[in-house]
Every structure is written in C-alpha cells, then in structure tokens.
Amino acid sequence: MKALRPSLALVFVAFLSGCASFQTGSDLLRGRQAFLIGNHEAALAYFQSVAQKDPNYFYGTALRQGILSYVGRAEYATGNCRQAQQTLERALSANKEEDIARLYLGLSLACTGDRQRALQEIAGGMQGIHDWLEYITQAHRFSFGQWWDPRGEIRSAIQTDLAMLSARDVDLQKLVADAEWIGKQIEEEGDKARRDEARQWGRDSDGNDSEP
C-alpha cells in the first residue's frame, strides 16, 4: 500500500481531530444533561471521559467552565467528597475565577467536615456568581445579558445567604441546600438564556413568536 501524500495525510489528521472534538463535545453535553436530571453516576462517567481526552476542555461562551469543574461537581454529587475537593482545587488552580467550582469546593469541604474553610469558599463562590451576573446583566443588557437571571431570583437567593453567612451562627445544613440550588440554577441559566434569546430572535424576524 502506498503512503498517503502529505496533503492527504493532513486532511486525514484534521478529519480525525474533528471527529474527536465532536465526540468530546457530545460527551460533555450528555454529562450535563445527566447531571441536571440527577443521574450523577452517568454524568461523572461522561465528564471523566472528556477530561481524559482533553483535560483543558472548556464549555460555554458567556460563562466558561472547565471540565475539571464538572468532574469535581459530579464527584461531590456521588458522595466522593475528598476526591471532589482535590479535583476542584485543581480546577481553581487552572482558573481561579471559576466561581461555580469554588462554590462546590465549599460544599465538598462541608461534606468532609472542614466547616471554617467551607464557609469561606461557599461565600466566595456565591459572591463571585452574584458579581458575574451583575456584570453580564449590566454590561450586556441590550444583548444576551438581558436573558440571564432576568427576575433576579439567583442574585436574591445569594444575597440572603451572604447575609446569613455574616451572622454569628450559620445553619450549615440550610446553607448547603441553598448552595446546591444555586449551583444547579446557574448551570441551567445558560440554557434558559439561549432559549429565551432564540425565541426573541424568532419574534423579531417573523413578527410574532416562532413557537406555537
């Protein structure tokens, strides 16, 4: 069999690379879907598959999140809190501004009994998410920002929890439940924003809502 010509070889390599990228993206999306419906074991398997293929993989545009953040969250959700702590610390060492990873690091620390640090990381994660939402909804209020947390429900919940964190006695069980809710809501918010923006584009182009 003759060797491939250099040009054909490059095309073949590019094709394989494109297939691998498509598979990685598909696994990430399947993992997110499994995570959001509570199938955490399946989500963890998908996220780990992505991390093995590309440990530097990021998902999202406005809100970019690394694959290690997703792996750590799934590890926490499956009860492997110490491993989740290690994974999330790695995620934050790569990008200290990943506020959802910081939030889940706090949850993992609470799970392992490190109360003081857990409160600190949960507070930092919540404040970061709140500030990011404030920035997006103001700086991009005439474009995609208007679709993120439009009723302010996530930010309101965060403000309530931050006020509780400033008190002397913190109800850790309630804080953990609230933090888990916030983590899930901000993850879903990007999907909602894209759907709402698409519906608005449908109205603008057709003169009415594109959905029945």
N, C-alpha and C. Protein backbone atom coordinates (compact mmCIF):
# COMPACT_ATOMS: atom_id res chain seq x y z
N MET A 1 0.85 -1.20 0.00
CA MET A 1 0.00 0.00 0.00
C MET A 1 0.88 1.24 0.00
N LYS A 2 0.59 2.21 -0.88
CA LYS A 2 1.38 3.40 -0.95
C LYS A 2 1.10 4.32 0.24
N ALA A 3 2.13 5.04 0.64
CA ALA A 3 1.96 6.01 1.72
C ALA A 3 1.07 7.14 1.23
N LEU A 4 0.32 7.71 2.18
CA LEU A 4 -0.54 8.84 1.83
C LEU A 4 0.32 10.03 1.44
N ARG A 5 -0.14 10.76 0.45
CA ARG A 5 0.53 12.01 0.11
C ARG A 5 0.44 12.97 1.30
N PRO A 6 1.41 13.87 1.45
CA PRO A 6 1.39 14.80 2.60
C PRO A 6 0.08 15.56 2.73
N SER A 7 -0.46 16.04 1.61
CA SER A 7 -1.70 16.82 1.68
C SER A 7 -2.86 15.95 2.15
N LEU A 8 -2.93 14.72 1.62
CA LEU A 8 -4.00 13.81 2.04
C LEU A 8 -3.83 13.41 3.50
N ALA A 9 -2.60 13.23 3.93
CA ALA A 9 -2.34 12.87 5.32
C ALA A 9 -2.83 13.97 6.25
N LEU A 10 -2.59 15.23 5.87
CA LEU A 10 -3.04 16.35 6.70
C LEU A 10 -4.55 16.42 6.77
N VAL A 11 -5.20 16.16 5.65
CA VAL A 11 -6.66 16.14 5.63
C VAL A 11 -7.19 15.03 6.54
N PHE A 12 -6.54 13.88 6.47
CA PHE A 12 -6.97 12.74 7.29
C PHE A 12 -6.81 13.04 8.78
N VAL A 13 -5.66 13.65 9.13
CA VAL A 13 -5.42 14.01 10.54
C VAL A 13 -6.45 15.04 11.00
N ALA A 14 -6.75 16.01 10.15
CA ALA A 14 -7.74 17.03 10.50
C ALA A 14 -9.11 16.41 10.70
N PHE A 15 -9.43 15.43 9.83
CA PHE A 15 -10.72 14.74 9.94
C PHE A 15 -10.83 14.01 11.27
N LEU A 16 -9.76 13.28 11.63
CA LEU A 16 -9.77 12.55 12.89
C LEU A 16 -9.87 13.50 14.08
N SER A 17 -9.16 14.63 13.99
CA SER A 17 -9.21 15.62 15.05
C SER A 17 -10.62 16.19 15.20
N GLY A 18 -11.27 16.45 14.07
CA GLY A 18 -12.64 16.96 14.11
C GLY A 18 -13.59 15.96 14.72
N CYS A 19 -13.42 14.69 14.39
CA CYS A 19 -14.27 13.64 14.96
C CYS A 19 -14.08 13.55 16.47
N ALA A 20 -12.82 13.64 16.91
CA ALA A 20 -12.53 13.56 18.34
C ALA A 20 -13.14 14.75 19.07
N SER A 21 -13.04 15.95 18.46
CA SER A 21 -13.62 17.14 19.09
C SER A 21 -15.13 17.03 19.19
N PHE A 22 -15.75 16.49 18.13
CA PHE A 22 -17.20 16.31 18.15
C PHE A 22 -17.61 15.35 19.25
N GLN A 23 -16.87 14.23 19.39
CA GLN A 23 -17.18 13.25 20.42
C GLN A 23 -17.01 13.83 21.81
N THR A 24 -15.96 14.64 22.00
CA THR A 24 -15.72 15.27 23.29
C THR A 24 -16.87 16.20 23.65
N GLY A 25 -17.26 17.03 22.68
CA GLY A 25 -18.39 17.93 22.93
C GLY A 25 -19.68 17.19 23.21
N SER A 26 -19.91 16.10 22.49
CA SER A 26 -21.12 15.30 22.71
C SER A 26 -21.14 14.68 24.10
N ASP A 27 -19.99 14.18 24.54
CA ASP A 27 -19.91 13.59 25.88
C ASP A 27 -20.16 14.65 26.96
N LEU A 28 -19.64 15.85 26.74
CA LEU A 28 -19.87 16.93 27.71
C LEU A 28 -21.34 17.26 27.81
N LEU A 29 -22.00 17.38 26.68
CA LEU A 29 -23.43 17.69 26.69
C LEU A 29 -24.25 16.58 27.33
N ARG A 30 -23.91 15.34 27.05
CA ARG A 30 -24.61 14.22 27.68
C ARG A 30 -24.38 14.22 29.19
N GLY A 31 -23.16 14.56 29.58
CA GLY A 31 -22.86 14.64 31.00
C GLY A 31 -23.66 15.73 31.70
N ARG A 32 -23.76 16.89 31.07
CA ARG A 32 -24.55 17.99 31.65
C ARG A 32 -26.01 17.58 31.78
N GLN A 33 -26.54 16.96 30.73
CA GLN A 33 -27.94 16.54 30.78
C GLN A 33 -28.17 15.54 31.91
N ALA A 34 -27.27 14.58 32.05
CA ALA A 34 -27.39 13.59 33.12
C ALA A 34 -27.28 14.26 34.48
N PHE A 35 -26.36 15.19 34.62
CA PHE A 35 -26.17 15.87 35.89
C PHE A 35 -27.41 16.66 36.29
N LEU A 36 -27.99 17.37 35.35
CA LEU A 36 -29.13 18.23 35.66
C LEU A 36 -30.39 17.44 36.01
N ILE A 37 -30.50 16.21 35.54
CA ILE A 37 -31.68 15.40 35.90
C ILE A 37 -31.38 14.50 37.11
N GLY A 38 -30.18 14.61 37.66
CA GLY A 38 -29.86 13.86 38.87
C GLY A 38 -29.22 12.51 38.65
N ASN A 39 -28.84 12.18 37.42
CA ASN A 39 -28.17 10.92 37.14
C ASN A 39 -26.66 11.15 37.26
N HIS A 40 -26.20 11.27 38.49
CA HIS A 40 -24.85 11.76 38.74
C HIS A 40 -23.76 10.75 38.38
N GLU A 41 -24.04 9.47 38.54
CA GLU A 41 -23.05 8.46 38.18
C GLU A 41 -22.75 8.51 36.69
N ALA A 42 -23.81 8.60 35.89
CA ALA A 42 -23.63 8.68 34.44
C ALA A 42 -22.91 9.97 34.07
N ALA A 43 -23.29 11.06 34.72
CA ALA A 43 -22.65 12.35 34.45
C ALA A 43 -21.15 12.27 34.72
N LEU A 44 -20.78 11.66 35.84
CA LEU A 44 -19.37 11.55 36.19
C LEU A 44 -18.61 10.77 35.13
N ALA A 45 -19.19 9.69 34.64
CA ALA A 45 -18.52 8.88 33.61
C ALA A 45 -18.30 9.70 32.34
N TYR A 46 -19.30 10.47 31.93
CA TYR A 46 -19.14 11.30 30.73
C TYR A 46 -18.07 12.37 30.95
N PHE A 47 -18.11 13.04 32.10
CA PHE A 47 -17.14 14.11 32.36
C PHE A 47 -15.72 13.56 32.44
N GLN A 48 -15.57 12.41 33.06
CA GLN A 48 -14.24 11.80 33.14
C GLN A 48 -13.73 11.43 31.76
N SER A 49 -14.62 10.98 30.89
CA SER A 49 -14.23 10.65 29.52
C SER A 49 -13.71 11.89 28.79
N VAL A 50 -14.40 13.02 28.98
CA VAL A 50 -13.96 14.27 28.36
C VAL A 50 -12.60 14.68 28.91
N ALA A 51 -12.45 14.60 30.25
CA ALA A 51 -11.20 15.02 30.89
C ALA A 51 -10.02 14.17 30.41
N GLN A 52 -10.27 12.90 30.17
CA GLN A 52 -9.20 12.03 29.66
C GLN A 52 -8.78 12.42 28.25
N LYS A 53 -9.77 12.81 27.44
CA LYS A 53 -9.46 13.21 26.06
C LYS A 53 -8.81 14.58 26.01
N ASP A 54 -9.33 15.50 26.82
CA ASP A 54 -8.83 16.88 26.78
C ASP A 54 -9.02 17.52 28.16
N PRO A 55 -7.99 17.44 29.02
CA PRO A 55 -8.12 17.98 30.38
C PRO A 55 -8.26 19.50 30.42
N ASN A 56 -8.01 20.17 29.29
CA ASN A 56 -8.15 21.62 29.23
C ASN A 56 -9.44 22.07 28.54
N TYR A 57 -10.37 21.13 28.36
CA TYR A 57 -11.61 21.44 27.64
C TYR A 57 -12.46 22.43 28.44
N PHE A 58 -13.01 23.43 27.74
CA PHE A 58 -13.91 24.40 28.35
C PHE A 58 -15.26 24.34 27.64
N TYR A 59 -16.31 24.59 28.41
CA TYR A 59 -17.66 24.62 27.86
C TYR A 59 -18.25 26.00 28.13
N GLY A 60 -19.00 26.50 27.15
CA GLY A 60 -19.72 27.75 27.35
C GLY A 60 -19.07 28.91 26.64
N THR A 61 -19.82 29.99 26.49
CA THR A 61 -19.32 31.21 25.86
C THR A 61 -19.32 32.35 26.87
N ALA A 62 -20.51 32.81 27.26
CA ALA A 62 -20.56 33.86 28.28
C ALA A 62 -20.00 33.36 29.61
N LEU A 63 -20.41 32.17 30.00
CA LEU A 63 -19.95 31.56 31.25
C LEU A 63 -19.12 30.33 30.88
N ARG A 64 -17.80 30.48 30.92
CA ARG A 64 -16.90 29.41 30.52
C ARG A 64 -16.51 28.58 31.76
N GLN A 65 -16.64 27.25 31.61
CA GLN A 65 -16.33 26.35 32.71
C GLN A 65 -15.45 25.21 32.22
N GLY A 66 -14.42 24.91 32.99
CA GLY A 66 -13.51 23.85 32.64
C GLY A 66 -14.05 22.47 32.98
N ILE A 67 -13.55 21.47 32.29
CA ILE A 67 -14.04 20.11 32.50
C ILE A 67 -13.74 19.61 33.91
N LEU A 68 -12.62 20.05 34.51
CA LEU A 68 -12.32 19.61 35.87
C LEU A 68 -13.37 20.10 36.86
N SER A 69 -13.94 21.26 36.60
CA SER A 69 -15.03 21.75 37.44
C SER A 69 -16.22 20.80 37.38
N TYR A 70 -16.55 20.35 36.16
CA TYR A 70 -17.66 19.42 36.00
C TYR A 70 -17.36 18.07 36.67
N VAL A 71 -16.14 17.58 36.51
CA VAL A 71 -15.78 16.32 37.16
C VAL A 71 -15.92 16.44 38.67
N GLY A 72 -15.39 17.53 39.23
CA GLY A 72 -15.46 17.72 40.68
C GLY A 72 -16.88 17.82 41.20
N ARG A 73 -17.73 18.50 40.46
CA ARG A 73 -19.14 18.62 40.88
C ARG A 73 -19.83 17.26 40.88
N ALA A 74 -19.55 16.47 39.86
CA ALA A 74 -20.16 15.14 39.78
C ALA A 74 -19.61 14.24 40.88
N GLU A 75 -18.33 14.37 41.20
CA GLU A 75 -17.76 13.59 42.30
C GLU A 75 -18.43 13.96 43.61
N TYR A 76 -18.65 15.24 43.82
CA TYR A 76 -19.36 15.67 45.03
C TYR A 76 -20.77 15.08 45.06
N ALA A 77 -21.46 15.16 43.94
CA ALA A 77 -22.85 14.70 43.88
C ALA A 77 -22.97 13.20 44.10
N THR A 78 -21.90 12.44 43.78
CA THR A 78 -21.93 11.00 44.00
C THR A 78 -21.39 10.62 45.38
N GLY A 79 -21.06 11.62 46.20
CA GLY A 79 -20.63 11.37 47.57
C GLY A 79 -19.14 11.20 47.77
N ASN A 80 -18.36 11.35 46.72
CA ASN A 80 -16.90 11.21 46.82
C ASN A 80 -16.31 12.58 47.10
N CYS A 81 -16.52 13.07 48.33
CA CYS A 81 -16.25 14.47 48.64
C CYS A 81 -14.76 14.79 48.69
N ARG A 82 -13.94 13.87 49.19
CA ARG A 82 -12.50 14.16 49.26
C ARG A 82 -11.88 14.22 47.87
N GLN A 83 -12.30 13.33 47.00
CA GLN A 83 -11.81 13.38 45.63
C GLN A 83 -12.32 14.64 44.94
N ALA A 84 -13.56 15.00 45.22
CA ALA A 84 -14.13 16.22 44.64
C ALA A 84 -13.32 17.44 45.07
N GLN A 85 -12.94 17.48 46.35
CA GLN A 85 -12.13 18.58 46.84
C GLN A 85 -10.83 18.71 46.05
N GLN A 86 -10.15 17.60 45.84
CA GLN A 86 -8.89 17.62 45.12
C GLN A 86 -9.08 18.08 43.67
N THR A 87 -10.12 17.55 43.03
CA THR A 87 -10.38 17.90 41.63
C THR A 87 -10.72 19.38 41.48
N LEU A 88 -11.56 19.87 42.39
CA LEU A 88 -11.98 21.27 42.31
C LEU A 88 -10.83 22.22 42.64
N GLU A 89 -9.95 21.82 43.52
CA GLU A 89 -8.76 22.63 43.79
C GLU A 89 -7.88 22.70 42.54
N ARG A 90 -7.79 21.60 41.80
CA ARG A 90 -7.04 21.61 40.54
C ARG A 90 -7.72 22.54 39.53
N ALA A 91 -9.05 22.50 39.48
CA ALA A 91 -9.78 23.37 38.56
C ALA A 91 -9.50 24.83 38.88
N LEU A 92 -9.48 25.17 40.16
CA LEU A 92 -9.27 26.55 40.56
C LEU A 92 -7.82 26.98 40.41
N SER A 93 -6.90 26.04 40.50
CA SER A 93 -5.50 26.39 40.26
C SER A 93 -5.28 26.74 38.80
N ALA A 94 -6.09 26.15 37.91
CA ALA A 94 -6.02 26.47 36.48
C ALA A 94 -6.76 27.76 36.16
N ASN A 95 -7.84 28.03 36.90
CA ASN A 95 -8.62 29.25 36.67
C ASN A 95 -9.30 29.64 37.97
N LYS A 96 -8.71 30.58 38.68
CA LYS A 96 -9.21 30.97 40.00
C LYS A 96 -10.55 31.69 39.93
N GLU A 97 -10.99 32.07 38.72
CA GLU A 97 -12.25 32.80 38.58
C GLU A 97 -13.44 31.88 38.31
N GLU A 98 -13.25 30.58 38.39
CA GLU A 98 -14.38 29.66 38.20
C GLU A 98 -15.20 29.59 39.49
N ASP A 99 -16.18 30.46 39.57
CA ASP A 99 -16.92 30.62 40.82
C ASP A 99 -17.81 29.42 41.15
N ILE A 100 -18.31 28.73 40.14
CA ILE A 100 -19.11 27.54 40.42
C ILE A 100 -18.22 26.45 41.01
N ALA A 101 -17.01 26.32 40.49
CA ALA A 101 -16.07 25.36 41.07
C ALA A 101 -15.76 25.72 42.52
N ARG A 102 -15.62 27.01 42.81
CA ARG A 102 -15.35 27.45 44.18
C ARG A 102 -16.54 27.13 45.09
N LEU A 103 -17.74 27.35 44.58
CA LEU A 103 -18.93 27.03 45.36
C LEU A 103 -18.96 25.55 45.73
N TYR A 104 -18.69 24.69 44.74
CA TYR A 104 -18.70 23.25 45.00
C TYR A 104 -17.51 22.79 45.82
N LEU A 105 -16.40 23.52 45.75
CA LEU A 105 -15.30 23.22 46.65
C LEU A 105 -15.75 23.44 48.09
N GLY A 106 -16.47 24.53 48.33
CA GLY A 106 -17.01 24.77 49.66
C GLY A 106 -17.96 23.67 50.10
N LEU A 107 -18.81 23.21 49.19
CA LEU A 107 -19.72 22.12 49.52
C LEU A 107 -18.95 20.84 49.85
N SER A 108 -17.90 20.57 49.10
CA SER A 108 -17.09 19.37 49.35
C SER A 108 -16.40 19.47 50.71
N LEU A 109 -15.93 20.65 51.05
CA LEU A 109 -15.28 20.86 52.35
C LEU A 109 -16.29 20.70 53.49
N ALA A 110 -17.51 21.18 53.28
CA ALA A 110 -18.55 20.98 54.29
C ALA A 110 -18.83 19.50 54.48
N CYS A 111 -18.82 18.76 53.37
CA CYS A 111 -19.08 17.33 53.41
C CYS A 111 -17.99 16.59 54.19
N THR A 112 -16.74 17.05 54.10
CA THR A 112 -15.63 16.38 54.79
C THR A 112 -15.42 16.90 56.21
N GLY A 113 -16.21 17.92 56.60
CA GLY A 113 -16.15 18.39 57.98
C GLY A 113 -15.28 19.61 58.22
N ASP A 114 -14.73 20.21 57.15
CA ASP A 114 -13.89 21.40 57.31
C ASP A 114 -14.79 22.63 57.26
N ARG A 115 -15.48 22.89 58.36
CA ARG A 115 -16.54 23.90 58.40
C ARG A 115 -16.02 25.31 58.09
N GLN A 116 -14.94 25.70 58.72
CA GLN A 116 -14.45 27.07 58.58
C GLN A 116 -14.09 27.39 57.13
N ARG A 117 -13.33 26.50 56.52
CA ARG A 117 -12.94 26.74 55.13
C ARG A 117 -14.14 26.59 54.19
N ALA A 118 -15.04 25.69 54.54
CA ALA A 118 -16.24 25.50 53.73
C ALA A 118 -17.04 26.80 53.64
N LEU A 119 -17.24 27.46 54.77
CA LEU A 119 -18.00 28.71 54.78
C LEU A 119 -17.30 29.77 53.94
N GLN A 120 -15.98 29.80 54.04
CA GLN A 120 -15.20 30.79 53.27
C GLN A 120 -15.34 30.56 51.77
N GLU A 121 -15.22 29.32 51.34
CA GLU A 121 -15.28 29.02 49.90
C GLU A 121 -16.70 29.16 49.36
N ILE A 122 -17.69 28.75 50.14
CA ILE A 122 -19.09 28.92 49.70
C ILE A 122 -19.40 30.40 49.54
N ALA A 123 -18.98 31.20 50.51
CA ALA A 123 -19.21 32.65 50.42
C ALA A 123 -18.52 33.24 49.20
N GLY A 124 -17.26 32.82 48.96
CA GLY A 124 -16.54 33.33 47.80
C GLY A 124 -17.18 32.93 46.49
N GLY A 125 -17.64 31.69 46.41
CA GLY A 125 -18.31 31.23 45.20
C GLY A 125 -19.60 31.97 44.95
N MET A 126 -20.39 32.14 46.00
CA MET A 126 -21.66 32.86 45.85
C MET A 126 -21.44 34.30 45.44
N GLN A 127 -20.49 34.96 46.10
CA GLN A 127 -20.23 36.35 45.76
C GLN A 127 -19.74 36.49 44.32
N GLY A 128 -18.89 35.56 43.90
CA GLY A 128 -18.40 35.60 42.52
C GLY A 128 -19.51 35.41 41.51
N ILE A 129 -20.43 34.47 41.76
CA ILE A 129 -21.56 34.25 40.86
C ILE A 129 -22.45 35.49 40.81
N HIS A 130 -22.71 36.06 41.98
CA HIS A 130 -23.53 37.27 42.06
C HIS A 130 -22.90 38.41 41.25
N ASP A 131 -21.61 38.63 41.46
CA ASP A 131 -20.92 39.72 40.76
C ASP A 131 -20.89 39.49 39.26
N TRP A 132 -20.70 38.24 38.85
CA TRP A 132 -20.68 37.93 37.42
C TRP A 132 -22.04 38.21 36.80
N LEU A 133 -23.11 37.81 37.47
CA LEU A 133 -24.45 38.08 36.96
C LEU A 133 -24.72 39.58 36.87
N GLU A 134 -24.28 40.32 37.88
CA GLU A 134 -24.45 41.77 37.85
C GLU A 134 -23.72 42.37 36.66
N TYR A 135 -22.51 41.91 36.42
CA TYR A 135 -21.73 42.44 35.30
C TYR A 135 -22.40 42.12 33.97
N ILE A 136 -22.77 40.86 33.77
CA ILE A 136 -23.36 40.43 32.50
C ILE A 136 -24.67 41.17 32.22
N THR A 137 -25.51 41.29 33.24
CA THR A 137 -26.83 41.91 33.04
C THR A 137 -26.74 43.41 32.85
N GLN A 138 -25.65 44.02 33.27
CA GLN A 138 -25.47 45.46 33.06
C GLN A 138 -24.65 45.76 31.80
N ALA A 139 -23.48 45.14 31.69
CA ALA A 139 -22.59 45.42 30.56
C ALA A 139 -23.18 44.97 29.23
N HIS A 140 -24.01 43.93 29.26
CA HIS A 140 -24.59 43.39 28.02
C HIS A 140 -26.12 43.41 28.09
N ARG A 141 -26.64 44.45 28.73
CA ARG A 141 -28.10 44.50 28.96
C ARG A 141 -28.90 44.66 27.68
N PHE A 142 -28.29 45.14 26.61
CA PHE A 142 -29.02 45.31 25.35
C PHE A 142 -28.82 44.12 24.41
N SER A 143 -28.09 43.12 24.87
CA SER A 143 -27.90 41.93 24.06
C SER A 143 -28.16 40.70 24.92
N PHE A 144 -27.24 39.74 24.96
CA PHE A 144 -27.51 38.47 25.64
C PHE A 144 -27.65 38.60 27.14
N GLY A 145 -27.11 39.67 27.73
CA GLY A 145 -27.17 39.81 29.19
C GLY A 145 -28.57 39.92 29.75
N GLN A 146 -29.51 40.40 28.94
CA GLN A 146 -30.88 40.58 29.44
C GLN A 146 -31.57 39.25 29.74
N TRP A 147 -31.00 38.14 29.23
CA TRP A 147 -31.66 36.85 29.42
C TRP A 147 -31.11 36.08 30.61
N TRP A 148 -30.08 36.60 31.25
CA TRP A 148 -29.50 35.92 32.41
C TRP A 148 -30.16 36.42 33.69
N ASP A 149 -30.74 35.47 34.45
CA ASP A 149 -31.38 35.80 35.73
C ASP A 149 -32.27 37.04 35.61
N PRO A 150 -33.22 37.04 34.66
CA PRO A 150 -33.99 38.26 34.37
C PRO A 150 -34.84 38.74 35.54
N ARG A 151 -35.28 37.85 36.41
CA ARG A 151 -36.08 38.25 37.57
C ARG A 151 -35.24 38.40 38.84
N GLY A 152 -33.95 38.17 38.70
CA GLY A 152 -33.06 38.36 39.84
C GLY A 152 -33.19 37.31 40.93
N GLU A 153 -33.76 36.16 40.59
CA GLU A 153 -34.01 35.15 41.62
C GLU A 153 -32.71 34.56 42.18
N ILE A 154 -31.74 34.31 41.30
CA ILE A 154 -30.48 33.74 41.77
C ILE A 154 -29.75 34.75 42.64
N ARG A 155 -29.67 35.99 42.17
CA ARG A 155 -28.98 37.02 42.95
C ARG A 155 -29.66 37.29 44.28
N SER A 156 -30.97 37.26 44.31
CA SER A 156 -31.70 37.47 45.56
C SER A 156 -31.40 36.35 46.56
N ALA A 157 -31.39 35.11 46.08
CA ALA A 157 -31.08 33.97 46.96
C ALA A 157 -29.66 34.09 47.49
N ILE A 158 -28.74 34.52 46.64
CA ILE A 158 -27.35 34.67 47.08
C ILE A 158 -27.24 35.75 48.15
N GLN A 159 -27.92 36.87 47.95
CA GLN A 159 -27.86 37.94 48.94
C GLN A 159 -28.40 37.48 50.29
N THR A 160 -29.44 36.68 50.28
CA THR A 160 -30.00 36.15 51.53
C THR A 160 -28.98 35.26 52.23
N ASP A 161 -28.31 34.41 51.45
CA ASP A 161 -27.33 33.50 52.05
C ASP A 161 -26.08 34.24 52.52
N LEU A 162 -25.66 35.24 51.79
CA LEU A 162 -24.50 36.02 52.23
C LEU A 162 -24.80 36.76 53.53
N ALA A 163 -26.04 37.22 53.68
CA ALA A 163 -26.44 37.85 54.94
C ALA A 163 -26.40 36.83 56.07
N MET A 164 -26.83 35.60 55.79
CA MET A 164 -26.78 34.55 56.81
C MET A 164 -25.33 34.23 57.17
N LEU A 165 -24.46 34.24 56.17
CA LEU A 165 -23.05 33.93 56.42
C LEU A 165 -22.37 34.99 57.28
N SER A 166 -22.88 36.21 57.25
CA SER A 166 -22.29 37.26 58.06
C SER A 166 -22.75 37.20 59.52
N ALA A 167 -23.74 36.37 59.79
CA ALA A 167 -24.22 36.22 61.16
C ALA A 167 -23.29 35.31 61.95
N ARG A 168 -23.44 35.35 63.26
CA ARG A 168 -22.55 34.56 64.12
C ARG A 168 -22.82 33.08 63.98
N ASP A 169 -24.07 32.69 63.99
CA ASP A 169 -24.44 31.28 63.89
C ASP A 169 -24.99 31.00 62.49
N VAL A 170 -24.34 30.11 61.79
CA VAL A 170 -24.75 29.76 60.43
C VAL A 170 -25.38 28.37 60.44
N ASP A 171 -26.56 28.28 59.86
CA ASP A 171 -27.23 27.00 59.70
C ASP A 171 -26.58 26.30 58.50
N LEU A 172 -25.59 25.45 58.76
CA LEU A 172 -24.81 24.85 57.69
C LEU A 172 -25.66 23.97 56.79
N GLN A 173 -26.60 23.24 57.38
CA GLN A 173 -27.44 22.36 56.58
C GLN A 173 -28.27 23.16 55.57
N LYS A 174 -28.83 24.28 56.02
CA LYS A 174 -29.60 25.12 55.10
C LYS A 174 -28.69 25.76 54.06
N LEU A 175 -27.53 26.18 54.50
CA LEU A 175 -26.59 26.81 53.56
C LEU A 175 -26.18 25.84 52.46
N VAL A 176 -25.91 24.60 52.82
CA VAL A 176 -25.53 23.59 51.84
C VAL A 176 -26.67 23.37 50.84
N ALA A 177 -27.89 23.26 51.34
CA ALA A 177 -29.04 23.06 50.45
C ALA A 177 -29.20 24.25 49.50
N ASP A 178 -29.04 25.46 50.05
CA ASP A 178 -29.15 26.66 49.22
C ASP A 178 -28.05 26.71 48.17
N ALA A 179 -26.82 26.36 48.57
CA ALA A 179 -25.68 26.39 47.65
C ALA A 179 -25.88 25.38 46.53
N GLU A 180 -26.39 24.21 46.84
CA GLU A 180 -26.67 23.22 45.81
C GLU A 180 -27.72 23.74 44.83
N TRP A 181 -28.72 24.42 45.35
CA TRP A 181 -29.77 25.00 44.49
C TRP A 181 -29.16 26.05 43.57
N ILE A 182 -28.34 26.93 44.12
CA ILE A 182 -27.71 27.98 43.33
C ILE A 182 -26.81 27.37 42.25
N GLY A 183 -26.04 26.35 42.62
CA GLY A 183 -25.18 25.70 41.65
C GLY A 183 -25.95 25.12 40.48
N LYS A 184 -27.07 24.50 40.77
CA LYS A 184 -27.89 23.92 39.69
C LYS A 184 -28.55 25.01 38.87
N GLN A 185 -29.05 26.06 39.54
CA GLN A 185 -29.74 27.12 38.82
C GLN A 185 -28.82 27.87 37.86
N ILE A 186 -27.61 28.18 38.31
CA ILE A 186 -26.71 28.92 37.42
C ILE A 186 -26.29 28.04 36.25
N GLU A 187 -26.20 26.74 36.46
CA GLU A 187 -25.88 25.83 35.36
C GLU A 187 -27.01 25.79 34.34
N GLU A 188 -28.25 25.82 34.82
CA GLU A 188 -29.40 25.79 33.92
C GLU A 188 -29.64 27.13 33.25
N GLU A 189 -29.14 28.20 33.88
CA GLU A 189 -29.47 29.55 33.42
C GLU A 189 -28.96 29.81 32.00
N GLY A 190 -27.79 29.27 31.68
CA GLY A 190 -27.26 29.47 30.33
C GLY A 190 -28.16 28.86 29.27
N ASP A 191 -28.71 27.67 29.56
CA ASP A 191 -29.63 27.03 28.62
C ASP A 191 -30.90 27.85 28.47
N LYS A 192 -31.43 28.36 29.59
CA LYS A 192 -32.64 29.19 29.54
C LYS A 192 -32.38 30.46 28.75
N ALA A 193 -31.22 31.08 28.99
CA ALA A 193 -30.89 32.33 28.29
C ALA A 193 -30.84 32.12 26.79
N ARG A 194 -30.22 31.00 26.36
CA ARG A 194 -30.15 30.73 24.94
C ARG A 194 -31.53 30.50 24.34
N ARG A 195 -32.39 29.78 25.07
CA ARG A 195 -33.75 29.53 24.57
C ARG A 195 -34.54 30.83 24.47
N ASP A 196 -34.45 31.67 25.50
CA ASP A 196 -35.20 32.93 25.50
C ASP A 196 -34.71 33.87 24.40
N GLU A 197 -33.39 33.89 24.21
CA GLU A 197 -32.84 34.73 23.15
C GLU A 197 -33.29 34.24 21.78
N ALA A 198 -33.33 32.92 21.59
CA ALA A 198 -33.78 32.36 20.31
C ALA A 198 -35.24 32.70 20.05
N ARG A 199 -36.06 32.63 21.10
CA ARG A 199 -37.47 32.98 20.94
C ARG A 199 -37.63 34.45 20.55
N GLN A 200 -36.80 35.31 21.17
CA GLN A 200 -36.88 36.74 20.86
C GLN A 200 -36.47 37.00 19.41
N TRP A 201 -35.41 36.31 18.96
CA TRP A 201 -35.00 36.45 17.56
C TRP A 201 -36.11 35.98 16.63
N GLY A 202 -36.85 34.95 17.06
CA GLY A 202 -37.97 34.47 16.25
C GLY A 202 -39.05 35.52 16.12
N ARG A 203 -39.33 36.22 17.22
CA ARG A 203 -40.33 37.29 17.17
C ARG A 203 -39.86 38.42 16.25
N ASP A 204 -38.59 38.80 16.41
CA ASP A 204 -38.07 39.93 15.65
C ASP A 204 -38.08 39.66 14.15
N SER A 205 -37.78 38.42 13.77
CA SER A 205 -37.69 38.09 12.34
C SER A 205 -39.04 37.78 11.71
N ASP A 206 -39.97 37.22 12.51
CA ASP A 206 -41.26 36.80 11.94
C ASP A 206 -42.40 37.75 12.30
N GLY A 207 -42.16 38.62 13.25
CA GLY A 207 -43.23 39.49 13.69
C GLY A 207 -44.08 38.90 14.77
N ASN A 208 -43.81 37.66 15.11
CA ASN A 208 -44.51 37.02 16.22
C ASN A 208 -43.64 35.90 16.74
N ASP A 209 -44.06 35.28 17.82
CA ASP A 209 -43.29 34.21 18.41
C ASP A 209 -43.22 33.04 17.46
N SER A 210 -42.01 32.48 17.31
CA SER A 210 -41.82 31.40 16.36
C SER A 210 -42.36 30.07 16.87
N GLU A 211 -42.70 30.02 18.15
CA GLU A 211 -43.25 28.79 18.72
C GLU A 211 -44.75 28.93 18.82
N PRO A 212 -45.50 27.83 18.68
CA PRO A 212 -46.97 27.91 18.76
C PRO A 212 -47.41 28.23 20.17
